[in-house]
Amino acid sequence: MALNGATWRTSTRSGNTDCVEVADNLPGLVAVRDSKDRRGPVLAFTPSTWRSFVATLKRT
């Protein structure tokens, strides 16, 4: 999976705690990684799957 050009960000709500980072600037891909292990594994989602996941979280 090519992640060249990924712009990683964390939630503004995470404060100083460890969190996940999301790169949603890549075409057709949303990548997620652990902020404590930036060289570790990356999960990849389609944008529609990611939107569905976030919408579900907002409802709970």
PDB file of N, CA and C in Angstrom:
ATOM      1  N   MET A   1       0.858  -1.174   0.000  1.00  0.00           N
ATOM      2  CA  MET A   1       0.000   0.000   0.000  1.00  0.00           C
ATOM      3  C   MET A   1       0.904   1.237   0.000  1.00  0.00           C
ATOM      4  N   ALA A   2       0.724   2.090  -0.968  1.00  0.00           N
ATOM      5  CA  ALA A   2       1.537   3.297  -1.077  1.00  0.00           C
ATOM      6  C   ALA A   2       0.905   4.427  -0.275  1.00  0.00           C
ATOM      7  N   LEU A   3       1.634   4.888   0.703  1.00  0.00           N
ATOM      8  CA  LEU A   3       1.135   5.983   1.538  1.00  0.00           C
ATOM      9  C   LEU A   3       1.958   7.249   1.348  1.00  0.00           C
ATOM     10  N   ASN A   4       2.702   7.311   0.237  1.00  0.00           N
ATOM     11  CA  ASN A   4       3.458   8.527  -0.053  1.00  0.00           C
ATOM     12  C   ASN A   4       2.512   9.706  -0.170  1.00  0.00           C
ATOM     13  N   GLY A   5       2.818  10.768   0.517  1.00  0.00           N
ATOM     14  CA  GLY A   5       1.981  11.958   0.471  1.00  0.00           C
ATOM     15  C   GLY A   5       0.872  11.978   1.500  1.00  0.00           C
ATOM     16  N   ALA A   6       0.804  10.944   2.345  1.00  0.00           N
ATOM     17  CA  ALA A   6      -0.233  10.920   3.379  1.00  0.00           C
ATOM     18  C   ALA A   6      -0.001  12.051   4.373  1.00  0.00           C
ATOM     19  N   THR A   7      -1.072  12.761   4.689  1.00  0.00           N
ATOM     20  CA  THR A   7      -1.029  13.801   5.707  1.00  0.00           C
ATOM     21  C   THR A   7      -1.768  13.260   6.928  1.00  0.00           C
ATOM     22  N   TRP A   8      -1.010  12.947   7.976  1.00  0.00           N
ATOM     23  CA  TRP A   8      -1.572  12.334   9.178  1.00  0.00           C
ATOM     24  C   TRP A   8      -2.041  13.400  10.144  1.00  0.00           C
ATOM     25  N   ARG A   9      -3.171  13.120  10.808  1.00  0.00           N
ATOM     26  CA  ARG A   9      -3.694  14.059  11.811  1.00  0.00           C
ATOM     27  C   ARG A   9      -4.321  13.274  12.958  1.00  0.00           C
ATOM     28  N   THR A  10      -4.378  13.898  14.114  1.00  0.00           N
ATOM     29  CA  THR A  10      -5.075  13.317  15.261  1.00  0.00           C
ATOM     30  C   THR A  10      -6.263  14.201  15.597  1.00  0.00           C
ATOM     31  N   SER A  11      -7.188  13.655  16.315  1.00  0.00           N
ATOM     32  CA  SER A  11      -8.371  14.416  16.714  1.00  0.00           C
ATOM     33  C   SER A  11      -7.972  15.538  17.664  1.00  0.00           C
ATOM     34  N   THR A  12      -8.630  16.664  17.524  1.00  0.00           N
ATOM     35  CA  THR A  12      -8.382  17.754  18.465  1.00  0.00           C
ATOM     36  C   THR A  12      -8.884  17.397  19.851  1.00  0.00           C
ATOM     37  N   ARG A  13      -9.766  16.414  19.950  1.00  0.00           N
ATOM     38  CA  ARG A  13     -10.290  15.969  21.241  1.00  0.00           C
ATOM     39  C   ARG A  13      -9.342  15.030  21.969  1.00  0.00           C
ATOM     40  N   SER A  14      -8.295  14.565  21.313  1.00  0.00           N
ATOM     41  CA  SER A  14      -7.401  13.605  21.954  1.00  0.00           C
ATOM     42  C   SER A  14      -6.461  14.264  22.955  1.00  0.00           C
ATOM     43  N   GLY A  15      -6.283  15.570  22.863  1.00  0.00           N
ATOM     44  CA  GLY A  15      -5.417  16.269  23.809  1.00  0.00           C
ATOM     45  C   GLY A  15      -4.006  15.726  23.775  1.00  0.00           C
ATOM     46  N   ASN A  16      -3.435  15.468  24.947  1.00  0.00           N
ATOM     47  CA  ASN A  16      -2.066  14.957  25.033  1.00  0.00           C
ATOM     48  C   ASN A  16      -2.018  13.439  25.165  1.00  0.00           C
ATOM     49  N   THR A  17      -3.137  12.782  25.012  1.00  0.00           N
ATOM     50  CA  THR A  17      -3.159  11.328  25.151  1.00  0.00           C
ATOM     51  C   THR A  17      -2.779  10.659  23.844  1.00  0.00           C
ATOM     52  N   ASP A  18      -2.323   9.418  23.945  1.00  0.00           N
ATOM     53  CA  ASP A  18      -2.034   8.649  22.744  1.00  0.00           C
ATOM     54  C   ASP A  18      -3.332   8.329  22.035  1.00  0.00           C
ATOM     55  N   CYS A  19      -3.265   8.297  20.758  1.00  0.00           N
ATOM     56  CA  CYS A  19      -4.489   8.174  19.975  1.00  0.00           C
ATOM     57  C   CYS A  19      -4.164   7.532  18.638  1.00  0.00           C
ATOM     58  N   VAL A  20      -5.153   7.428  17.806  1.00  0.00           N
ATOM     59  CA  VAL A  20      -4.927   6.999  16.429  1.00  0.00           C
ATOM     60  C   VAL A  20      -4.756   8.232  15.560  1.00  0.00           C
ATOM     61  N   GLU A  21      -4.093   8.032  14.451  1.00  0.00           N
ATOM     62  CA  GLU A  21      -3.929   9.091  13.464  1.00  0.00           C
ATOM     63  C   GLU A  21      -4.613   8.645  12.179  1.00  0.00           C
ATOM     64  N   VAL A  22      -5.165   9.601  11.477  1.00  0.00           N
ATOM     65  CA  VAL A  22      -5.903   9.328  10.244  1.00  0.00           C
ATOM     66  C   VAL A  22      -5.305  10.149   9.111  1.00  0.00           C
ATOM     67  N   ALA A  23      -5.167   9.512   7.967  1.00  0.00           N
ATOM     68  CA  ALA A  23      -4.776  10.214   6.739  1.00  0.00           C
ATOM     69  C   ALA A  23      -5.923  10.024   5.751  1.00  0.00           C
ATOM     70  N   ASP A  24      -6.633  11.107   5.489  1.00  0.00           N
ATOM     71  CA  ASP A  24      -7.783  11.012   4.583  1.00  0.00           C
ATOM     72  C   ASP A  24      -7.607  11.877   3.343  1.00  0.00           C
ATOM     73  N   ASN A  25      -6.368  12.188   3.023  1.00  0.00           N
ATOM     74  CA  ASN A  25      -6.103  13.023   1.855  1.00  0.00           C
ATOM     75  C   ASN A  25      -5.680  12.212   0.626  1.00  0.00           C
ATOM     76  N   LEU A  26      -5.676  10.894   0.734  1.00  0.00           N
ATOM     77  CA  LEU A  26      -5.264  10.058  -0.387  1.00  0.00           C
ATOM     78  C   LEU A  26      -6.489   9.632  -1.200  1.00  0.00           C
ATOM     79  N   PRO A  27      -6.394   9.602  -2.517  1.00  0.00           N
ATOM     80  CA  PRO A  27      -7.553   9.249  -3.336  1.00  0.00           C
ATOM     81  C   PRO A  27      -7.985   7.794  -3.112  1.00  0.00           C
ATOM     82  N   GLY A  28      -9.250   7.612  -2.755  1.00  0.00           N
ATOM     83  CA  GLY A  28      -9.825   6.286  -2.614  1.00  0.00           C
ATOM     84  C   GLY A  28      -9.394   5.502  -1.394  1.00  0.00           C
ATOM     85  N   LEU A  29      -8.774   6.172  -0.413  1.00  0.00           N
ATOM     86  CA  LEU A  29      -8.223   5.462   0.730  1.00  0.00           C
ATOM     87  C   LEU A  29      -8.235   6.336   1.973  1.00  0.00           C
ATOM     88  N   VAL A  30      -8.614   5.751   3.101  1.00  0.00           N
ATOM     89  CA  VAL A  30      -8.450   6.397   4.404  1.00  0.00           C
ATOM     90  C   VAL A  30      -7.572   5.458   5.214  1.00  0.00           C
ATOM     91  N   ALA A  31      -6.429   5.956   5.661  1.00  0.00           N
ATOM     92  CA  ALA A  31      -5.473   5.149   6.408  1.00  0.00           C
ATOM     93  C   ALA A  31      -5.519   5.533   7.885  1.00  0.00           C
ATOM     94  N   VAL A  32      -5.348   4.530   8.757  1.00  0.00           N
ATOM     95  CA  VAL A  32      -5.405   4.738  10.198  1.00  0.00           C
ATOM     96  C   VAL A  32      -4.205   4.025  10.828  1.00  0.00           C
ATOM     97  N   ARG A  33      -3.527   4.696  11.758  1.00  0.00           N
ATOM     98  CA  ARG A  33      -2.391   4.087  12.445  1.00  0.00           C
ATOM     99  C   ARG A  33      -2.358   4.503  13.907  1.00  0.00           C
ATOM    100  N   ASP A  34      -1.594   3.780  14.686  1.00  0.00           N
ATOM    101  CA  ASP A  34      -1.400   4.058  16.106  1.00  0.00           C
ATOM    102  C   ASP A  34      -0.364   5.163  16.245  1.00  0.00           C
ATOM    103  N   SER A  35      -0.697   6.225  16.960  1.00  0.00           N
ATOM    104  CA  SER A  35       0.240   7.340  17.094  1.00  0.00           C
ATOM    105  C   SER A  35       1.480   6.961  17.905  1.00  0.00           C
ATOM    106  N   LYS A  36       1.410   5.891  18.693  1.00  0.00           N
ATOM    107  CA  LYS A  36       2.566   5.449  19.466  1.00  0.00           C
ATOM    108  C   LYS A  36       3.517   4.593  18.633  1.00  0.00           C
ATOM    109  N   ASP A  37       3.058   4.105  17.485  1.00  0.00           N
ATOM    110  CA  ASP A  37       3.850   3.216  16.635  1.00  0.00           C
ATOM    111  C   ASP A  37       3.694   3.634  15.186  1.00  0.00           C
ATOM    112  N   ARG A  38       4.235   4.787  14.851  1.00  0.00           N
ATOM    113  CA  ARG A  38       4.026   5.367  13.517  1.00  0.00           C
ATOM    114  C   ARG A  38       4.653   4.555  12.392  1.00  0.00           C
ATOM    115  N   ARG A  39       5.581   3.691  12.710  1.00  0.00           N
ATOM    116  CA  ARG A  39       6.183   2.827  11.687  1.00  0.00           C
ATOM    117  C   ARG A  39       5.516   1.454  11.649  1.00  0.00           C
ATOM    118  N   GLY A  40       4.525   1.271  12.495  1.00  0.00           N
ATOM    119  CA  GLY A  40       3.839  -0.009  12.593  1.00  0.00           C
ATOM    120  C   GLY A  40       2.776  -0.175  11.524  1.00  0.00           C
ATOM    121  N   PRO A  41       1.895  -1.137  11.742  1.00  0.00           N
ATOM    122  CA  PRO A  41       0.873  -1.445  10.738  1.00  0.00           C
ATOM    123  C   PRO A  41      -0.126  -0.308  10.534  1.00  0.00           C
ATOM    124  N   VAL A  42      -0.697  -0.291   9.358  1.00  0.00           N
ATOM    125  CA  VAL A  42      -1.701   0.711   8.979  1.00  0.00           C
ATOM    126  C   VAL A  42      -2.954  -0.027   8.523  1.00  0.00           C
ATOM    127  N   LEU A  43      -4.098   0.419   9.013  1.00  0.00           N
ATOM    128  CA  LEU A  43      -5.374  -0.097   8.526  1.00  0.00           C
ATOM    129  C   LEU A  43      -5.843   0.803   7.393  1.00  0.00           C
ATOM    130  N   ALA A  44      -6.417   0.206   6.371  1.00  0.00           N
ATOM    131  CA  ALA A  44      -6.895   0.983   5.225  1.00  0.00           C
ATOM    132  C   ALA A  44      -8.372   0.719   5.002  1.00  0.00           C
ATOM    133  N   PHE A  45      -9.113   1.781   4.744  1.00  0.00           N
ATOM    134  CA  PHE A  45     -10.552   1.712   4.528  1.00  0.00           C
ATOM    135  C   PHE A  45     -10.914   2.485   3.267  1.00  0.00           C
ATOM    136  N   THR A  46     -12.022   2.110   2.667  1.00  0.00           N
ATOM    137  CA  THR A  46     -12.549   2.946   1.587  1.00  0.00           C
ATOM    138  C   THR A  46     -13.156   4.180   2.254  1.00  0.00           C
ATOM    139  N   PRO A  47     -13.232   5.296   1.548  1.00  0.00           N
ATOM    140  CA  PRO A  47     -13.841   6.485   2.147  1.00  0.00           C
ATOM    141  C   PRO A  47     -15.278   6.248   2.621  1.00  0.00           C
ATOM    142  N   SER A  48     -16.073   5.467   1.873  1.00  0.00           N
ATOM    143  CA  SER A  48     -17.459   5.247   2.295  1.00  0.00           C
ATOM    144  C   SER A  48     -17.517   4.402   3.571  1.00  0.00           C
ATOM    145  N   THR A  49     -16.652   3.420   3.701  1.00  0.00           N
ATOM    146  CA  THR A  49     -16.609   2.621   4.930  1.00  0.00           C
ATOM    147  C   THR A  49     -16.196   3.484   6.108  1.00  0.00           C
ATOM    148  N   TRP A  50     -15.216   4.344   5.903  1.00  0.00           N
ATOM    149  CA  TRP A  50     -14.760   5.229   6.976  1.00  0.00           C
ATOM    150  C   TRP A  50     -15.875   6.188   7.406  1.00  0.00           C
ATOM    151  N   ARG A  51     -16.579   6.770   6.440  1.00  0.00           N
ATOM    152  CA  ARG A  51     -17.688   7.677   6.770  1.00  0.00           C
ATOM    153  C   ARG A  51     -18.761   6.951   7.575  1.00  0.00           C
ATOM    154  N   SER A  52     -19.069   5.740   7.197  1.00  0.00           N
ATOM    155  CA  SER A  52     -20.051   4.945   7.923  1.00  0.00           C
ATOM    156  C   SER A  52     -19.595   4.674   9.348  1.00  0.00           C
ATOM    157  N   PHE A  53     -18.332   4.337   9.529  1.00  0.00           N
ATOM    158  CA  PHE A  53     -17.761   4.095  10.856  1.00  0.00           C
ATOM    159  C   PHE A  53     -17.861   5.344  11.729  1.00  0.00           C
ATOM    160  N   VAL A  54     -17.446   6.478  11.192  1.00  0.00           N
ATOM    161  CA  VAL A  54     -17.482   7.732  11.953  1.00  0.00           C
ATOM    162  C   VAL A  54     -18.929   8.109  12.294  1.00  0.00           C
ATOM    163  N   ALA A  55     -19.845   7.945  11.348  1.00  0.00           N
ATOM    164  CA  ALA A  55     -21.254   8.262  11.604  1.00  0.00           C
ATOM    165  C   ALA A  55     -21.816   7.382  12.721  1.00  0.00           C
ATOM    166  N   THR A  56     -21.432   6.121  12.737  1.00  0.00           N
ATOM    167  CA  THR A  56     -21.889   5.221  13.803  1.00  0.00           C
ATOM    168  C   THR A  56     -21.348   5.660  15.146  1.00  0.00           C
ATOM    169  N   LEU A  57     -20.097   6.064  15.189  1.00  0.00           N
ATOM    170  CA  LEU A  57     -19.513   6.551  16.442  1.00  0.00           C
ATOM    171  C   LEU A  57     -20.217   7.805  16.950  1.00  0.00           C
ATOM    172  N   LYS A  58     -20.584   8.677  16.055  1.00  0.00           N
ATOM    173  CA  LYS A  58     -21.262   9.911  16.450  1.00  0.00           C
ATOM    174  C   LYS A  58     -22.643   9.650  17.034  1.00  0.00           C
ATOM    175  N   ARG A  59     -23.271   8.560  16.614  1.00  0.00           N
ATOM    176  CA  ARG A  59     -24.609   8.216  17.135  1.00  0.00           C
ATOM    177  C   ARG A  59     -24.561   7.576  18.507  1.00  0.00           C
ATOM    178  N   THR A  60     -23.404   7.080  18.906  1.00  0.00           N
ATOM    179  CA  THR A  60     -23.320   6.382  20.206  1.00  0.00           C
ATOM    180  C   THR A  60     -22.835   7.288  21.304  1.00  0.00           C
TER     181      THR A  60
END
